[in-house]
Protein backbone atom coordinates (compact mmCIF):
# COMPACT_ATOMS: atom_id res chain seq x y z
CA LEU A 1 30.05 163.72 -33.46
CA HIS A 2 32.45 163.08 -30.63
CA ASN A 3 34.66 161.22 -33.28
CA LYS A 4 34.82 164.29 -35.20
CA SER A 5 35.50 166.71 -32.50
CA SER A 6 38.17 164.34 -30.82
CA GLY A 7 39.99 164.13 -34.06
CA LEU A 8 38.92 160.77 -35.54
CA HIS A 9 37.58 162.47 -38.65
CA CYS A 10 35.91 160.71 -41.58
CA PRO A 11 34.37 157.21 -40.42
CA ILE A 12 35.18 155.80 -43.80
CA CYS A 13 38.64 156.96 -43.90
CA ASN A 14 39.26 156.23 -40.32
CA LYS A 15 36.84 153.85 -38.64
CA GLY A 16 35.77 155.37 -35.37
CA ARG A 17 34.28 153.72 -32.35
CA GLN A 18 30.37 153.52 -32.87
CA THR A 19 28.31 154.95 -30.04
CA SER A 20 24.85 153.43 -29.04
CA PHE A 21 23.13 154.94 -32.04
CA VAL A 22 21.34 151.56 -32.84
CA GLU A 23 19.80 151.57 -29.18
CA LYS A 24 18.34 155.15 -29.97
CA CYS A 25 17.01 153.65 -33.14
CA ILE A 26 15.48 150.84 -31.36
CA PHE A 27 13.66 153.20 -28.92
CA PHE A 28 12.41 155.23 -31.84
CA TYR A 29 10.68 152.29 -33.62
CA CYS A 30 9.38 150.82 -30.49
CA LYS A 31 7.85 154.13 -29.57
CA LYS A 32 6.46 154.32 -33.17
CA TYR A 33 4.65 151.08 -32.56
CA PHE A 34 4.01 151.36 -28.75
CA PRO A 35 3.64 155.12 -27.81
CA ASP A 36 3.90 154.48 -24.14
CA THR A 37 7.74 153.25 -24.63
CA LEU A 38 10.22 154.95 -22.45
CA SER A 39 13.90 155.58 -22.67
CA ASN A 40 16.55 155.22 -19.81
CA VAL A 41 13.95 154.76 -17.03
CA LYS A 42 14.40 153.72 -13.53
CA LEU A 43 11.93 151.09 -12.43
CA PRO A 44 10.60 150.75 -8.85
CA GLU A 45 10.20 147.14 -9.53
CA LEU A 46 14.03 146.73 -10.11
CA LYS A 47 14.71 148.75 -6.90
CA GLY A 48 15.42 151.69 -8.92
CA LYS A 49 17.78 150.03 -11.60
CA GLU A 50 17.72 151.68 -14.94
CA VAL A 51 16.65 149.95 -18.09
CA ASP A 52 17.64 151.33 -21.65
CA ILE A 53 14.03 150.95 -23.12
CA TYR A 54 10.78 149.94 -21.29
CA ILE A 55 7.31 149.17 -22.75
CA PRO A 56 4.82 149.41 -19.86
CA SER A 57 1.83 148.11 -21.83
CA LYS A 58 3.64 144.86 -22.51
CA ARG A 59 6.03 144.84 -19.51
CA ILE A 60 9.09 144.33 -21.60
CA ALA A 61 12.48 145.88 -20.81
CA ILE A 62 14.90 146.00 -23.54
CA GLU A 63 18.79 146.39 -22.78
CA TYR A 64 21.34 147.23 -25.44
CA ASP A 65 24.81 145.71 -24.59
CA GLY A 66 27.80 147.31 -26.24
CA LYS A 67 31.14 145.76 -25.92
CA ALA A 68 32.89 148.90 -24.58
CA TYR A 69 30.83 148.67 -21.34
CA HIS A 70 29.25 145.16 -20.75
CA ASP A 71 32.39 143.20 -21.39
CA ARG A 72 33.49 143.59 -17.77
CA GLU A 73 32.83 141.13 -14.71
CA LEU A 74 31.18 143.92 -12.66
CA ASN A 75 28.69 144.68 -15.30
CA LYS A 76 27.95 141.02 -15.98
CA LYS A 77 26.96 140.67 -12.23
CA ARG A 78 24.84 143.62 -12.42
CA ASP A 79 23.11 142.38 -15.55
CA LYS A 80 22.38 139.02 -13.64
CA GLU A 81 20.90 140.91 -10.69
CA LYS A 82 18.55 142.98 -12.91
CA TYR A 83 17.49 139.75 -14.67
CA VAL A 84 16.52 138.06 -11.33
CA LEU A 85 14.40 141.10 -10.46
CA CYS A 86 12.95 141.32 -13.77
CA LYS A 87 11.74 137.51 -13.49
CA LYS A 88 10.53 138.27 -9.96
CA ASN A 89 8.32 141.14 -11.09
CA ASN A 90 6.93 139.54 -14.34
CA ILE A 91 9.02 141.84 -16.65
CA THR A 92 10.23 140.12 -19.77
CA LEU A 93 13.79 141.23 -20.52
CA TYR A 94 15.32 141.43 -23.97
CA ARG A 95 19.06 141.85 -24.75
CA ILE A 96 20.48 143.11 -27.90
CA LEU A 97 24.09 141.99 -27.75
CA GLU A 98 26.82 143.47 -29.98
CA LYS A 99 28.53 140.69 -31.90
CA GLY A 100 31.56 139.45 -30.02
CA LEU A 101 30.11 139.71 -26.71
CA GLU A 102 29.85 136.56 -24.70
CA GLN A 103 26.35 135.38 -24.72
CA ASN A 104 24.67 134.90 -21.27
CA LYS A 105 21.63 133.64 -19.80
CA ASN A 106 20.43 136.90 -18.20
CA ALA A 107 17.64 137.58 -20.50
CA ASP A 108 14.47 136.02 -21.74
CA VAL A 109 15.20 136.96 -25.48
CA ILE A 110 18.60 137.72 -27.00
CA PHE A 111 19.36 139.15 -30.33
CA ILE A 112 22.84 139.82 -31.80
CA THR A 113 23.64 142.97 -33.69
CA GLU A 114 26.84 144.31 -35.08
CA ASP A 115 28.84 147.33 -34.18
CA SER A 116 28.87 148.93 -37.64
CA TYR A 117 27.76 151.98 -39.69
CA ASN A 118 25.52 149.72 -41.87
CA HIS A 119 22.12 151.12 -41.38
CA ASN A 120 20.72 148.25 -43.83
CA LYS A 121 21.87 145.61 -41.13
CA TYR A 122 20.40 147.69 -38.44
CA ASN A 123 17.12 147.95 -40.36
CA LYS A 124 16.90 144.15 -40.51
CA ASP A 125 17.85 143.83 -36.91
CA ILE A 126 15.04 146.08 -35.75
CA ILE A 127 12.75 144.55 -37.95
CA LYS A 128 13.19 141.08 -36.32
CA ILE A 129 12.86 142.68 -32.89
CA LEU A 130 9.43 144.32 -33.72
CA THR A 131 8.45 141.11 -35.33
CA HIS A 132 9.21 139.35 -32.04
CA LEU A 133 7.17 141.83 -30.26
CA ASN A 134 4.10 140.71 -32.32
CA ILE A 135 4.05 143.56 -35.02
CA LYS A 136 3.06 142.02 -38.21
CA LYS A 137 5.85 142.34 -40.61
CA GLU A 138 3.71 143.72 -43.43
CA ASP A 139 2.93 146.86 -40.99
CA ILE A 140 6.70 147.27 -40.18
CA ALA A 141 8.25 150.23 -41.74
CA VAL A 142 12.01 150.86 -40.82
CA ASP A 143 14.30 153.12 -42.58
CA ILE A 144 16.97 154.69 -40.64
CA ASP A 145 18.32 156.90 -43.36
CA LYS A 146 15.12 158.26 -43.84
CA ASP A 147 14.33 158.88 -40.25
CA THR A 148 17.63 159.88 -38.89
CA VAL A 149 16.84 163.50 -38.29
CA GLU A 150 13.57 162.44 -36.53
CA ILE A 151 15.51 159.83 -34.38
CA TYR A 152 17.99 162.58 -33.05
CA GLU A 153 15.17 165.02 -32.64
CA LEU A 154 13.33 162.56 -30.29
CA VAL A 155 16.56 161.78 -28.28
CA SER A 156 18.25 165.24 -28.71
CA ASP A 157 20.49 166.63 -26.13
CA SER A 158 18.21 168.26 -23.19
CA GLN A 159 21.02 170.55 -22.19
CA ILE A 160 23.73 172.05 -24.49
CA LYS A 161 26.83 173.40 -22.64
CA LYS A 162 28.63 174.44 -25.82
CA THR A 163 27.70 174.20 -29.05
CA LEU A 164 29.66 172.40 -31.99
CA GLU A 165 30.05 175.79 -33.68
CA GLU A 166 31.33 177.75 -30.57
CA TRP A 167 33.78 174.67 -29.90
CA CYS A 168 35.06 174.62 -33.36
CA LEU A 169 35.74 178.49 -33.43
CA GLU A 170 37.49 178.30 -29.94
CA ASN A 171 39.80 175.33 -30.95
CA GLN A 172 40.67 176.36 -34.82
CA LYS A 173 38.59 173.42 -36.25
CA GLU A 174 36.54 175.40 -38.63
CA TYR A 175 36.87 172.75 -41.12
CA LEU A 176 34.27 170.75 -39.39
CA LEU A 177 31.66 173.29 -39.87
CA LYS A 178 32.58 173.11 -43.55
CA GLN A 179 32.12 169.39 -43.68
CA TRP A 180 28.67 169.52 -41.91
CA ASP A 181 26.20 167.98 -44.23
CA TYR A 182 23.04 170.46 -43.86
CA SER A 183 21.04 168.26 -46.49
CA LYS A 184 21.28 165.15 -44.49
CA ASN A 185 21.29 166.63 -40.91
CA GLY A 186 18.01 168.56 -41.46
CA ASN A 187 17.03 170.86 -38.58
CA ILE A 188 19.98 169.75 -36.52
CA THR A 189 22.99 172.10 -37.26
CA PRO A 190 26.23 173.05 -35.39
CA GLN A 191 24.39 175.91 -33.78
CA ASN A 192 22.05 173.72 -31.91
CA ILE A 193 23.92 170.66 -31.02
CA SER A 194 26.50 170.02 -28.30
CA TYR A 195 30.17 169.54 -29.13
CA GLY A 196 30.60 166.62 -27.04
CA SER A 197 27.60 164.63 -28.29
CA GLY A 198 28.05 160.86 -28.68
CA LYS A 199 25.40 160.77 -31.48
CA LYS A 200 26.23 160.02 -35.17
CA PHE A 201 25.70 162.88 -37.76
CA HIS A 202 26.34 163.33 -41.45
CA PHE A 203 29.69 165.02 -42.48
CA VAL A 204 31.42 165.27 -46.03
CA CYS A 205 35.09 164.72 -45.67
CA GLU A 206 37.59 166.39 -48.09
CA HIS A 207 37.40 163.10 -50.02
CA GLY A 208 33.84 163.44 -50.44
CA HIS A 209 32.89 160.63 -48.35
CA ARG A 210 29.54 160.79 -46.43
């Protein structure tokens, strides 16, 4: 959504920077199979350091490393410190790295994913992760296109300072409201989502691209 409100427009006509939507998808499907799964939680065992996803029943932490943040020396150092604490406290650390990031040894398990809008690719990546978490492949059902609205409802903004509709009307960007795809976005509308949300939603541009 930030891409649209900041002028990057249709992602097909003008490829915008992808957010950590895939991280939210991983959380959604982990919680589907492990109901105790937590998101963005600070663990006392890690001296209050936060992990993206944590499954207490399996003592597994999952970190999603995007190129925009993790390709920096300071963050690499923090990643190493976090891994040392995980090892010390018998927490298995998974790292999902965006393609192009330097692979490091700061995890017990490493998966590579792509920074793209390809939901089919994400589906396959998440199935691999769940299989590694000992979920039988025949029991796994992953369909991001089908579950998109539920994913966003699960991780929806807890506080909305200004809705997308309010922002569009104030900034003469009513065309964004016309491009909002109500059929795909379900219960999420310009009236109940923050204009600055980093999450991905469905729009239909003037050329009919979704």
